[in-house]
Amino acid sequence: MTVLETDALIVGAGFSGIYLLHRLRDQLHLNVKIVEAGSDVGGTWHANLYPGARVDVPSPIYSFNIEETWKDWNWSEAYPGQKELQAYFQHVDKALSVGKDTFFNSRVNSAQFDTTTARWTVKTEDGKTFVAKYFLPAVGFASQNYLPTWKGYESYQGIINHTAHWPRGGVDVRGKRVAIIGTGATGVQVTQEWAKEAAETFVFQRTPNYALPMNNKTLDPASQKQMQKDTGDLIAHAASTTGGMHFHSATKALADWENLDDAAKHVNQMYDEGGFKFWGASLADITVNEDANKFAYDIWAKRVRERVHDPVKAELLAPLEAPHPWGTKRPSLEQDYYEQFNKPNVHIVNTKKHPIVQFTPKGIMTDDGKIYEVDAIAVATGFDASTGSLSRTGIHDLDGVDLGTRWKNGIISLHGMTVPGFPNMFLPYSIQSPTPFTNGPVFIQFQADWIRSMIEKMEKTGIRYIDPQLKAAQEWRAEVQAIANMTLFPKAKSWYQGANIPGKPVEQMYYLAGMRMYFERCEAARDDKFAESFFSA
């Protein structure tokens, strides 16, 4: 058996993995390798092939802040689609020579740290063994799909695919009857595409998506040239914001407005400007104050209902009474999602009232006995966020207990990047950090820089390994939960709390106080509070 020795082993060749490769290999000059389960670079953007897959952060800030990758790259759209993003990763691969240090089609199934050697031994399903001082699972927060256990699922004789496992050749639905199960981001995107081509479309909705206008547009050559010139400055500006976006968060709460008509005008303007501005730049207290939240929801619902002609469909898509506080479940960006429901052949099946009970050879049955016969089904039921992919990687602590078991009663980590009992393991873009409330590439850059600085500190001072102190991790967990409990987020059952996965502990999985405060905590642990935060040897 061949054992490959390396300073650092990264799992995953998406944004996180490539950022870390660049920071550790090209800047610290360490021997670094990536193992990637897929056949190419790109992570999510290599895997997500479902119809309409598109990013919800505008270019160019959804990209690497590495000059070699943007100095000769032009984006064609404000919100690029999957094909362009995959082409971008091919460009990044060439610019940074990612492929030469990446093992593709290799899925990690075992990882264990040995304090005697201060090394991780990591094995893959295809028989490779790696020994590394630093282990960095950069698997993202949405890479493990969730498929409910429906009775008769295997009996269905038509075309059926989960959006996370879409065939590379696509699915031709022209003239067919189709169903989309789920109305999260992928469900919205698939619906927008399939409803334009299918003979009849059934959207199975349990909870309405509080979707916002994307306002996508094609960029002309002059705009492309100017954007390329400004990329560095635009990303730097995004890095100065609470969520790594192109706008700063709202500073005025609802009570700060002397005139509610003026407040409504501002909130409507944020809706019209598109993207996540309605969520992040409308009212400062939108997710902490029930009155402000209702004020925003009522405006959003009115705007959506103006776009949907059928009052029954309008009530299902944007109920007069909010099913949950606005923004406590992730809103999606849409292009013409609501207009699709103005077509007489596009239907909404209310699965909150009549849940799916089983599949039949020809379609889907709900609990009222109705069978929806369709030729193709898109299962858009989402992901076992963050912990799902990590728990299935075979990572074991110093006592041989796997990570999934360690977290079966709740997550324990320090800043979401290190875990007690797992020395020299760093987790980017994962749990107990602001992950899903940020623009991924900008936030990942911060984390990659922090990880690089920690490893540089260890290398310069001769530290063999670090292990976060359990007390420090418990205090971090308490802070994550305490901040969440000051908001309206606990009033909604969402994947932010793991509530979408049966049997998973329901807890706030992400840090809600924003990037700046988060990194103040991380920098303190690295510097002034290092001894309080980590055991080192």
Protein backbone atom coordinates (compact mmCIF):
# COMPACT_ATOMS: atom_id res chain seq x y z
CA MET A 1 0.00 0.00 0.00
CA THR A 2 1.32 3.41 -1.02
CA VAL A 3 1.23 6.09 1.68
CA LEU A 4 1.34 9.69 0.51
CA GLU A 5 2.89 12.07 3.03
CA THR A 6 1.98 15.74 2.94
CA ASP A 7 1.96 18.74 5.26
CA ALA A 8 -1.73 19.48 4.75
CA LEU A 9 -4.57 17.50 3.23
CA ILE A 10 -7.68 19.33 2.01
CA VAL A 11 -10.97 17.58 1.26
CA GLY A 12 -12.89 19.29 -1.52
CA ALA A 13 -11.95 21.41 -4.56
CA GLY A 14 -14.59 24.12 -4.31
CA PHE A 15 -14.09 27.70 -3.13
CA SER A 16 -12.86 26.68 0.34
CA GLY A 17 -10.48 23.99 -0.82
CA ILE A 18 -8.90 26.13 -3.54
CA TYR A 19 -8.55 29.16 -1.27
CA LEU A 20 -6.78 26.96 1.31
CA LEU A 21 -4.54 25.39 -1.32
CA HIS A 22 -3.48 28.86 -2.45
CA ARG A 23 -2.92 30.17 1.09
CA LEU A 24 -0.96 27.14 2.35
CA ARG A 25 0.87 25.95 -0.77
CA ASP A 26 1.55 29.21 -2.59
CA GLN A 27 1.97 31.53 0.41
CA LEU A 28 3.36 29.29 3.19
CA HIS A 29 5.13 26.96 0.71
CA LEU A 30 3.84 23.81 2.39
CA ASN A 31 3.32 20.49 0.67
CA VAL A 32 -0.46 20.49 0.19
CA LYS A 33 -2.82 18.09 -1.59
CA ILE A 34 -6.56 18.04 -2.26
CA VAL A 35 -8.77 14.96 -2.44
CA GLU A 36 -12.01 15.56 -4.32
CA ALA A 37 -14.92 13.13 -4.60
CA GLY A 38 -15.97 14.63 -7.93
CA SER A 39 -14.29 14.41 -11.29
CA ASP A 40 -13.34 18.09 -11.56
CA VAL A 41 -12.88 21.32 -9.64
CA GLY A 42 -15.82 23.51 -8.69
CA GLY A 43 -17.47 21.82 -5.72
CA THR A 44 -21.15 22.87 -5.74
CA TRP A 45 -20.82 24.29 -9.23
CA HIS A 46 -19.48 21.05 -10.64
CA ALA A 47 -22.16 18.97 -8.90
CA ASN A 48 -25.32 21.11 -9.24
CA LEU A 49 -26.56 20.46 -12.75
CA TYR A 50 -30.29 20.85 -12.23
CA PRO A 51 -32.22 23.22 -14.54
CA GLY A 52 -31.79 26.88 -13.70
CA ALA A 53 -28.90 26.45 -11.23
CA ARG A 54 -27.62 29.97 -10.64
CA VAL A 55 -25.75 31.87 -7.93
CA ASP A 56 -27.63 34.34 -5.71
CA VAL A 57 -24.70 36.74 -5.17
CA PRO A 58 -23.81 39.17 -7.97
CA SER A 59 -20.58 39.13 -9.91
CA PRO A 60 -17.80 39.95 -9.45
CA ILE A 61 -17.88 39.65 -5.64
CA TYR A 62 -18.80 35.96 -5.92
CA SER A 63 -15.27 35.07 -6.95
CA PHE A 64 -11.75 34.61 -5.62
CA ASN A 65 -9.96 37.69 -4.36
CA ILE A 66 -6.79 36.54 -6.08
CA GLU A 67 -5.58 38.79 -8.89
CA GLU A 68 -4.35 35.90 -11.03
CA THR A 69 -7.92 34.66 -11.24
CA TRP A 70 -9.73 37.89 -12.12
CA LYS A 71 -7.25 39.99 -14.09
CA ASP A 72 -8.25 38.32 -17.37
CA TRP A 73 -11.74 37.01 -16.61
CA ASN A 74 -15.04 38.61 -17.65
CA TRP A 75 -18.49 37.72 -16.33
CA SER A 76 -21.32 37.69 -18.86
CA GLU A 77 -24.20 38.11 -16.39
CA ALA A 78 -24.90 39.89 -13.13
CA TYR A 79 -25.83 36.53 -11.56
CA PRO A 80 -23.94 33.80 -13.42
CA GLY A 81 -25.41 30.37 -14.05
CA GLN A 82 -23.87 26.95 -13.44
CA LYS A 83 -22.19 26.62 -16.83
CA GLU A 84 -20.41 29.96 -16.52
CA LEU A 85 -19.38 29.22 -12.93
CA GLN A 86 -17.96 25.86 -13.98
CA ALA A 87 -16.06 27.61 -16.79
CA TYR A 88 -14.77 30.08 -14.19
CA PHE A 89 -13.44 27.23 -12.05
CA GLN A 90 -11.67 25.80 -15.10
CA HIS A 91 -10.07 29.21 -15.53
CA VAL A 92 -9.09 29.26 -11.83
CA ASP A 93 -7.64 25.77 -12.17
CA LYS A 94 -5.35 26.96 -14.94
CA ALA A 95 -4.43 30.22 -13.20
CA LEU A 96 -3.54 28.55 -9.87
CA SER A 97 -2.52 25.06 -11.07
CA VAL A 98 -5.07 23.40 -8.82
CA GLY A 99 -5.30 20.12 -10.70
CA LYS A 100 -1.64 19.19 -10.33
CA ASP A 101 -2.11 18.79 -6.58
CA THR A 102 -5.62 17.30 -6.62
CA PHE A 103 -6.72 13.67 -6.55
CA PHE A 104 -10.12 13.48 -8.24
CA ASN A 105 -12.74 10.76 -7.83
CA SER A 106 -11.44 10.11 -4.30
CA ARG A 107 -13.91 10.13 -1.42
CA VAL A 108 -12.58 10.17 2.16
CA ASN A 109 -14.03 7.41 4.35
CA SER A 110 -11.65 7.37 7.32
CA ALA A 111 -9.54 9.90 9.22
CA GLN A 112 -7.74 9.54 12.58
CA PHE A 113 -5.16 11.67 14.41
CA ASP A 114 -2.22 10.15 16.29
CA THR A 115 -0.76 12.35 19.04
CA THR A 116 2.49 10.32 19.04
CA THR A 117 3.33 11.24 15.48
CA ALA A 118 1.16 14.39 15.44
CA ARG A 119 -0.22 13.27 12.12
CA TRP A 120 -3.58 12.46 10.57
CA THR A 121 -3.99 9.21 8.66
CA VAL A 122 -6.67 9.68 6.03
CA LYS A 123 -8.01 6.95 3.76
CA THR A 124 -10.21 7.09 0.67
CA GLU A 125 -12.70 4.69 -0.84
CA ASP A 126 -10.44 4.14 -3.87
CA GLY A 127 -7.61 2.82 -1.68
CA LYS A 128 -5.39 5.86 -1.13
CA THR A 129 -3.80 6.61 2.24
CA PHE A 130 -2.51 10.04 3.20
CA VAL A 131 -0.51 11.10 6.24
CA ALA A 132 -0.69 14.81 7.02
CA LYS A 133 -0.02 17.17 9.91
CA TYR A 134 -3.04 19.32 9.05
CA PHE A 135 -6.43 18.02 7.98
CA LEU A 136 -8.91 20.43 6.36
CA PRO A 137 -12.34 19.04 5.40
CA ALA A 138 -13.58 21.79 3.05
CA VAL A 139 -16.80 20.03 2.11
CA GLY A 140 -19.15 23.03 2.31
CA PHE A 141 -22.44 23.32 4.11
CA ALA A 142 -24.74 22.00 1.35
CA SER A 143 -23.13 18.92 -0.15
CA GLN A 144 -25.09 16.09 1.52
CA ASN A 145 -28.58 15.87 0.03
CA TYR A 146 -31.67 14.93 2.03
CA LEU A 147 -34.21 12.47 0.60
CA PRO A 148 -37.31 11.72 2.70
CA THR A 149 -38.29 8.07 3.10
CA TRP A 150 -41.48 7.96 1.04
CA LYS A 151 -43.40 4.73 0.69
CA GLY A 152 -43.23 3.33 -2.84
CA TYR A 153 -40.47 5.69 -3.99
CA GLU A 154 -38.71 2.91 -5.91
CA SER A 155 -41.95 1.88 -7.63
CA TYR A 156 -42.24 5.09 -9.63
CA GLN A 157 -41.64 4.28 -13.30
CA GLY A 158 -41.05 7.77 -14.67
CA ILE A 159 -37.93 9.94 -14.60
CA ILE A 160 -36.99 10.99 -11.08
CA ASN A 161 -33.89 12.79 -9.80
CA HIS A 162 -32.87 14.65 -6.67
CA THR A 163 -31.57 18.08 -7.66
CA ALA A 164 -28.23 17.24 -6.01
CA HIS A 165 -27.77 14.25 -8.34
CA TRP A 166 -28.93 15.52 -11.69
CA PRO A 167 -27.90 13.67 -14.87
CA ARG A 168 -25.25 15.49 -16.89
CA GLY A 169 -27.30 15.03 -20.02
CA GLY A 170 -30.25 16.85 -18.46
CA VAL A 171 -33.93 15.90 -18.58
CA ASP A 172 -36.12 16.80 -21.56
CA VAL A 173 -39.57 17.78 -20.25
CA ARG A 174 -41.02 19.32 -23.39
CA GLY A 175 -44.62 18.25 -23.68
CA LYS A 176 -44.45 16.20 -20.48
CA ARG A 177 -46.29 16.37 -17.16
CA VAL A 178 -43.83 17.17 -14.37
CA ALA A 179 -43.67 17.61 -10.61
CA ILE A 180 -41.28 19.59 -8.42
CA ILE A 181 -41.25 18.55 -4.75
CA GLY A 182 -39.99 21.39 -2.59
CA THR A 183 -39.86 25.16 -2.87
CA GLY A 184 -36.41 26.01 -1.56
CA ALA A 185 -33.83 27.64 -3.81
CA THR A 186 -33.46 24.61 -6.08
CA GLY A 187 -37.22 24.11 -6.29
CA VAL A 188 -37.71 27.74 -7.31
CA GLN A 189 -35.01 27.51 -9.97
CA VAL A 190 -36.26 24.23 -11.44
CA THR A 191 -39.85 25.51 -11.48
CA GLN A 192 -38.84 28.61 -13.45
CA GLU A 193 -37.31 26.39 -16.14
CA TRP A 194 -39.67 23.42 -16.28
CA ALA A 195 -42.84 25.52 -16.24
CA LYS A 196 -41.72 27.13 -19.50
CA GLU A 197 -41.44 23.78 -21.31
CA ALA A 198 -43.67 21.17 -19.69
CA ALA A 199 -47.23 20.48 -20.75
CA GLU A 200 -48.34 20.54 -17.11
CA THR A 201 -46.45 21.40 -13.92
CA PHE A 202 -47.29 20.50 -10.33
CA VAL A 203 -45.33 22.27 -7.59
CA PHE A 204 -45.60 20.45 -4.25
CA GLN A 205 -45.29 23.17 -1.63
CA ARG A 206 -45.26 22.71 2.14
CA THR A 207 -44.04 26.21 2.98
CA PRO A 208 -44.00 29.23 0.68
CA ASN A 209 -40.62 30.63 -0.27
CA TYR A 210 -40.24 34.31 0.57
CA ALA A 211 -38.47 34.80 -2.74
CA LEU A 212 -37.04 38.13 -3.89
CA PRO A 213 -36.41 39.53 -7.38
CA MET A 214 -32.99 38.65 -8.74
CA ASN A 215 -32.97 41.36 -11.41
CA ASN A 216 -30.43 39.46 -13.45
CA LYS A 217 -29.06 41.09 -16.59
CA THR A 218 -26.57 40.46 -19.35
CA LEU A 219 -23.41 42.55 -19.13
CA ASP A 220 -22.29 44.43 -22.23
CA PRO A 221 -18.58 44.63 -23.16
CA ALA A 222 -18.14 48.08 -21.59
CA SER A 223 -19.68 46.89 -18.30
CA GLN A 224 -17.52 43.78 -18.35
CA LYS A 225 -14.36 45.81 -18.86
CA GLN A 226 -15.23 48.23 -16.05
CA MET A 227 -16.18 45.37 -13.71
CA GLN A 228 -12.87 43.62 -14.35
CA LYS A 229 -11.00 46.85 -13.61
CA ASP A 230 -12.95 47.35 -10.36
CA THR A 231 -13.00 43.75 -9.13
CA GLY A 232 -10.36 44.16 -6.44
CA ASP A 233 -12.04 47.27 -5.02
CA LEU A 234 -15.52 45.71 -5.19
CA ILE A 235 -14.41 42.62 -3.28
CA ALA A 236 -12.59 44.78 -0.73
CA HIS A 237 -15.80 46.75 -0.19
CA ALA A 238 -17.79 43.52 0.22
CA ALA A 239 -15.29 42.37 2.83
CA SER A 240 -16.08 45.48 4.90
CA THR A 241 -19.80 44.66 5.19
CA THR A 242 -21.62 42.50 7.72
CA GLY A 243 -22.31 39.71 5.26
CA GLY A 244 -19.64 40.13 2.60
CA MET A 245 -22.15 41.61 0.18
CA HIS A 246 -22.18 44.59 -2.20
CA PHE A 247 -24.25 46.65 0.25
CA HIS A 248 -24.05 47.60 3.91
CA SER A 249 -26.71 46.44 6.35
CA ALA A 250 -29.59 48.69 7.28
CA THR A 251 -28.86 51.16 10.09
CA LYS A 252 -32.42 52.36 10.78
CA ALA A 253 -34.88 50.25 12.74
CA LEU A 254 -38.60 50.61 12.10
CA ALA A 255 -39.00 52.91 15.14
CA ASP A 256 -36.31 55.22 13.75
CA TRP A 257 -38.56 56.23 10.87
CA GLU A 258 -40.68 59.26 11.78
CA ASN A 259 -43.12 58.49 9.00
CA LEU A 260 -44.20 54.89 8.23
CA ASP A 261 -44.98 55.89 4.66
CA ASP A 262 -41.32 56.83 4.24
CA ALA A 263 -40.30 53.53 5.81
CA ALA A 264 -42.55 51.65 3.41
CA LYS A 265 -41.12 53.58 0.47
CA HIS A 266 -37.61 52.58 1.53
CA VAL A 267 -38.51 48.90 2.02
CA ASN A 268 -40.25 48.85 -1.37
CA GLN A 269 -37.17 50.39 -2.94
CA MET A 270 -35.04 47.59 -1.52
CA TYR A 271 -37.45 45.09 -3.08
CA ASP A 272 -37.21 46.86 -6.43
CA GLU A 273 -33.41 47.01 -6.36
CA GLY A 274 -33.37 43.23 -6.11
CA GLY A 275 -31.05 40.67 -4.63
CA PHE A 276 -30.89 40.36 -0.84
CA LYS A 277 -31.24 44.09 -0.15
CA PHE A 278 -34.80 43.62 1.08
CA TRP A 279 -33.44 41.12 3.64
CA GLY A 280 -30.28 42.93 4.68
CA ALA A 281 -30.70 46.63 3.91
CA SER A 282 -34.36 47.42 4.55
CA LEU A 283 -34.84 47.50 8.34
CA ALA A 284 -32.11 47.01 10.93
CA ASP A 285 -34.44 45.10 13.23
CA ILE A 286 -36.15 42.93 10.63
CA THR A 287 -35.11 39.66 12.30
CA VAL A 288 -35.27 40.76 15.94
CA ASN A 289 -38.44 42.83 16.21
CA GLU A 290 -41.85 41.28 15.50
CA ASP A 291 -43.42 44.59 14.49
CA ALA A 292 -40.64 45.38 12.03
CA ASN A 293 -40.76 41.85 10.69
CA LYS A 294 -44.51 42.02 10.10
CA PHE A 295 -44.12 45.44 8.46
CA ALA A 296 -41.60 43.98 6.00
CA TYR A 297 -43.60 40.79 5.45
CA ASP A 298 -46.78 42.69 4.63
CA ILE A 299 -44.94 44.74 2.01
CA TRP A 300 -43.34 41.63 0.52
CA ALA A 301 -46.67 39.76 0.41
CA LYS A 302 -48.41 42.71 -1.26
CA ARG A 303 -45.72 42.92 -3.94
CA VAL A 304 -45.95 39.20 -4.67
CA ARG A 305 -49.75 39.14 -4.69
CA GLU A 306 -49.71 41.94 -7.27
CA ARG A 307 -47.82 39.57 -9.57
CA VAL A 308 -50.07 36.50 -9.13
CA HIS A 309 -53.51 36.78 -10.75
CA ASP A 310 -55.29 33.79 -9.21
CA PRO A 311 -56.27 34.71 -5.60
CA VAL A 312 -56.10 31.06 -4.47
CA LYS A 313 -52.54 30.69 -5.77
CA ALA A 314 -51.63 34.11 -4.40
CA GLU A 315 -52.75 33.08 -0.91
CA LEU A 316 -50.63 29.92 -1.10
CA LEU A 317 -47.56 31.74 -2.41
CA ALA A 318 -47.84 34.84 -0.19
CA PRO A 319 -50.40 34.30 2.60
CA LEU A 320 -51.89 37.35 4.28
CA GLU A 321 -50.77 35.85 7.60
CA ALA A 322 -47.06 35.01 7.64
CA PRO A 323 -46.38 31.28 8.20
CA HIS A 324 -43.12 32.24 9.92
CA PRO A 325 -41.15 35.46 10.49
CA TRP A 326 -39.68 36.99 7.35
CA GLY A 327 -36.04 36.05 6.77
CA THR A 328 -35.88 33.28 9.39
CA LYS A 329 -35.84 30.80 6.54
CA ARG A 330 -33.48 31.58 3.69
CA PRO A 331 -35.24 33.52 0.94
CA SER A 332 -34.36 32.65 -2.63
CA LEU A 333 -33.81 34.95 -5.57
CA GLU A 334 -36.22 34.49 -8.47
CA GLN A 335 -36.47 35.79 -12.01
CA ASP A 336 -40.05 35.02 -13.05
CA TYR A 337 -41.09 32.40 -10.51
CA TYR A 338 -44.37 34.01 -9.54
CA GLU A 339 -45.38 34.73 -13.13
CA GLN A 340 -45.17 31.01 -13.92
CA PHE A 341 -48.19 30.45 -11.67
CA ASN A 342 -50.31 32.70 -13.87
CA LYS A 343 -50.30 29.90 -16.43
CA PRO A 344 -53.37 27.62 -16.22
CA ASN A 345 -51.18 24.51 -16.58
CA VAL A 346 -48.99 25.36 -13.52
CA HIS A 347 -50.49 24.16 -10.25
CA ILE A 348 -49.63 24.32 -6.53
CA VAL A 349 -50.20 21.24 -4.39
CA ASN A 350 -50.48 22.27 -0.74
CA THR A 351 -48.60 19.50 1.07
CA LYS A 352 -49.04 21.17 4.43
CA LYS A 353 -52.75 20.49 4.10
CA HIS A 354 -52.37 17.22 2.20
CA PRO A 355 -48.90 15.66 2.68
CA ILE A 356 -47.35 13.20 0.27
CA VAL A 357 -48.02 9.69 1.59
CA GLN A 358 -46.53 7.55 -1.14
CA PHE A 359 -45.37 7.17 -4.71
CA THR A 360 -47.18 5.04 -7.24
CA PRO A 361 -45.81 3.65 -10.52
CA LYS A 362 -47.30 6.63 -12.32
CA GLY A 363 -47.00 9.47 -9.85
CA ILE A 364 -47.44 10.93 -6.36
CA MET A 365 -50.27 10.30 -3.89
CA THR A 366 -51.30 12.76 -1.17
CA ASP A 367 -53.20 11.91 2.01
CA ASP A 368 -56.57 12.84 0.47
CA GLY A 369 -56.15 9.91 -1.91
CA LYS A 370 -55.43 12.05 -4.95
CA ILE A 371 -52.80 10.76 -7.37
CA TYR A 372 -50.85 13.20 -9.52
CA GLU A 373 -49.73 11.29 -12.60
CA VAL A 374 -46.53 12.77 -14.03
CA ASP A 375 -43.76 11.78 -16.42
CA ALA A 376 -40.84 13.37 -14.54
CA ILE A 377 -40.16 14.43 -10.96
CA ALA A 378 -37.56 16.80 -9.53
CA VAL A 379 -36.97 16.11 -5.84
CA ALA A 380 -35.87 19.45 -4.39
CA THR A 381 -35.90 18.50 -0.70
CA GLY A 382 -32.64 20.19 0.20
CA PHE A 383 -29.64 19.16 2.25
CA ASP A 384 -28.51 17.85 5.60
CA ALA A 385 -26.69 21.14 6.07
CA SER A 386 -23.09 21.28 7.35
CA THR A 387 -23.06 18.31 9.71
CA GLY A 388 -24.43 15.86 7.13
CA SER A 389 -21.38 15.68 4.89
CA LEU A 390 -18.92 15.93 7.78
CA SER A 391 -20.61 13.12 9.71
CA ARG A 392 -20.33 10.79 6.73
CA THR A 393 -16.61 11.25 6.19
CA GLY A 394 -15.42 8.77 8.81
CA ILE A 395 -13.57 11.37 10.89
CA HIS A 396 -12.70 10.02 14.37
CA ASP A 397 -11.57 11.80 17.52
CA LEU A 398 -8.66 10.83 19.78
CA ASP A 399 -10.83 8.16 21.43
CA GLY A 400 -11.92 6.67 18.13
CA VAL A 401 -15.42 8.17 18.27
CA ASP A 402 -16.65 9.44 14.92
CA LEU A 403 -17.68 13.07 14.49
CA GLY A 404 -21.33 12.24 13.84
CA THR A 405 -21.57 10.41 17.15
CA ARG A 406 -19.76 13.21 18.95
CA TRP A 407 -22.39 15.65 17.68
CA LYS A 408 -25.47 13.46 18.10
CA ASN A 409 -26.67 15.57 21.04
CA GLY A 410 -25.50 18.92 19.68
CA ILE A 411 -22.56 20.63 18.02
CA ILE A 412 -19.45 21.49 20.00
CA SER A 413 -16.79 23.53 18.23
CA LEU A 414 -14.62 26.57 18.71
CA HIS A 415 -15.70 29.24 16.23
CA GLY A 416 -16.87 26.49 13.90
CA MET A 417 -13.34 25.96 12.63
CA THR A 418 -11.85 23.61 15.22
CA VAL A 419 -13.37 20.80 17.30
CA PRO A 420 -12.22 19.46 20.69
CA GLY A 421 -10.71 16.00 20.33
CA PHE A 422 -9.78 16.53 16.68
CA PRO A 423 -6.31 18.15 16.78
CA ASN A 424 -5.01 20.09 13.79
CA MET A 425 -8.36 19.82 11.99
CA PHE A 426 -9.77 23.02 10.50
CA LEU A 427 -13.29 23.38 9.11
CA PRO A 428 -13.93 26.25 6.67
CA TYR A 429 -17.42 27.40 5.66
CA SER A 430 -19.17 25.16 8.14
CA ILE A 431 -21.03 25.12 11.46
CA GLN A 432 -21.26 27.74 14.26
CA SER A 433 -19.97 30.51 12.02
CA PRO A 434 -21.89 33.05 9.88
CA THR A 435 -21.61 30.71 6.85
CA PRO A 436 -25.08 30.86 5.19
CA PHE A 437 -25.57 34.52 6.09
CA THR A 438 -22.57 35.62 4.06
CA ASN A 439 -21.31 35.82 0.52
CA GLY A 440 -19.35 32.57 0.50
CA PRO A 441 -16.11 33.52 -1.30
CA VAL A 442 -15.58 36.66 0.78
CA PHE A 443 -16.25 34.88 4.06
CA ILE A 444 -14.14 31.88 3.07
CA GLN A 445 -11.23 34.22 2.33
CA PHE A 446 -11.34 35.45 5.93
CA GLN A 447 -11.40 31.91 7.27
CA ALA A 448 -8.63 30.75 4.94
CA ASP A 449 -6.48 33.68 6.08
CA TRP A 450 -7.13 32.82 9.74
CA ILE A 451 -6.30 29.14 9.18
CA ARG A 452 -3.13 30.12 7.34
CA SER A 453 -2.13 32.41 10.23
CA MET A 454 -2.75 29.64 12.77
CA ILE A 455 -0.67 27.15 10.82
CA GLU A 456 2.07 29.73 10.28
CA LYS A 457 2.12 30.39 14.03
CA MET A 458 2.44 26.67 14.72
CA GLU A 459 5.18 26.18 12.17
CA LYS A 460 7.24 29.13 13.41
CA THR A 461 6.92 28.25 17.11
CA GLY A 462 7.36 24.50 16.77
CA ILE A 463 3.87 23.53 17.94
CA ARG A 464 3.18 19.94 16.92
CA TYR A 465 -0.55 20.13 17.34
CA ILE A 466 -3.35 22.17 18.84
CA ASP A 467 -6.64 20.99 20.28
CA PRO A 468 -9.38 23.47 21.29
CA GLN A 469 -10.18 23.58 24.97
CA LEU A 470 -13.57 22.01 25.75
CA LYS A 471 -14.48 24.93 28.04
CA ALA A 472 -13.78 27.45 25.29
CA ALA A 473 -15.86 25.44 22.82
CA GLN A 474 -18.74 25.17 25.27
CA GLU A 475 -18.63 28.94 25.79
CA TRP A 476 -18.71 29.45 22.01
CA ARG A 477 -21.70 27.15 21.67
CA ALA A 478 -23.46 29.13 24.41
CA GLU A 479 -22.73 32.41 22.59
CA VAL A 480 -24.10 31.05 19.30
CA GLN A 481 -27.32 29.94 21.00
CA ALA A 482 -27.67 33.10 23.12
CA ILE A 483 -27.43 35.38 20.09
CA ALA A 484 -29.97 33.25 18.20
CA ASN A 485 -32.38 33.44 21.13
CA MET A 486 -32.30 37.24 20.89
CA THR A 487 -33.76 36.97 17.37
CA LEU A 488 -36.88 35.63 15.68
CA PHE A 489 -35.01 32.68 14.13
CA PRO A 490 -36.14 30.13 16.76
CA LYS A 491 -39.74 30.82 15.70
CA ALA A 492 -39.17 29.04 12.38
CA LYS A 493 -38.33 25.39 11.75
CA SER A 494 -35.56 25.51 9.20
CA TRP A 495 -32.30 23.94 8.14
CA TYR A 496 -30.56 26.75 10.01
CA GLN A 497 -31.48 24.72 13.13
CA GLY A 498 -31.27 21.28 11.50
CA ALA A 499 -35.06 21.02 11.82
CA ASN A 500 -35.43 19.68 8.26
CA ILE A 501 -33.73 16.37 9.13
CA PRO A 502 -35.68 13.83 11.24
CA GLY A 503 -33.78 12.91 14.41
CA LYS A 504 -31.22 15.69 14.08
CA PRO A 505 -30.77 17.88 17.19
CA VAL A 506 -32.69 21.12 16.74
CA GLU A 507 -30.31 23.96 17.61
CA GLN A 508 -29.02 27.11 16.01
CA MET A 509 -26.16 25.89 13.81
CA TYR A 510 -24.84 29.27 12.64
CA TYR A 511 -23.53 32.48 14.16
CA LEU A 512 -25.92 35.41 13.67
CA ALA A 513 -23.84 38.41 14.79
CA GLY A 514 -22.09 38.95 11.46
CA MET A 515 -18.60 38.58 10.03
CA ARG A 516 -16.89 41.43 11.85
CA MET A 517 -17.76 40.31 15.36
CA TYR A 518 -17.07 36.70 14.40
CA PHE A 519 -13.55 37.47 13.27
CA GLU A 520 -12.83 39.56 16.31
CA ARG A 521 -13.53 36.41 18.33
CA CYS A 522 -11.35 34.29 16.05
CA GLU A 523 -8.43 36.71 16.11
CA ALA A 524 -8.57 36.94 19.91
CA ALA A 525 -8.40 33.14 20.17
CA ARG A 526 -5.36 33.09 17.90
CA ASP A 527 -3.55 35.91 19.74
CA ASP A 528 -4.44 37.23 23.21
CA LYS A 529 -6.52 34.23 24.31
CA PHE A 530 -4.51 31.45 22.67
CA ALA A 531 -3.72 29.65 25.93
CA GLU A 532 -7.36 29.86 27.03
CA SER A 533 -8.60 28.63 23.68
CA PHE A 534 -6.25 25.81 22.75
CA PHE A 535 -4.24 23.03 24.27
CA SER A 536 -0.94 22.88 22.39
CA ALA A 537 1.90 20.40 22.32
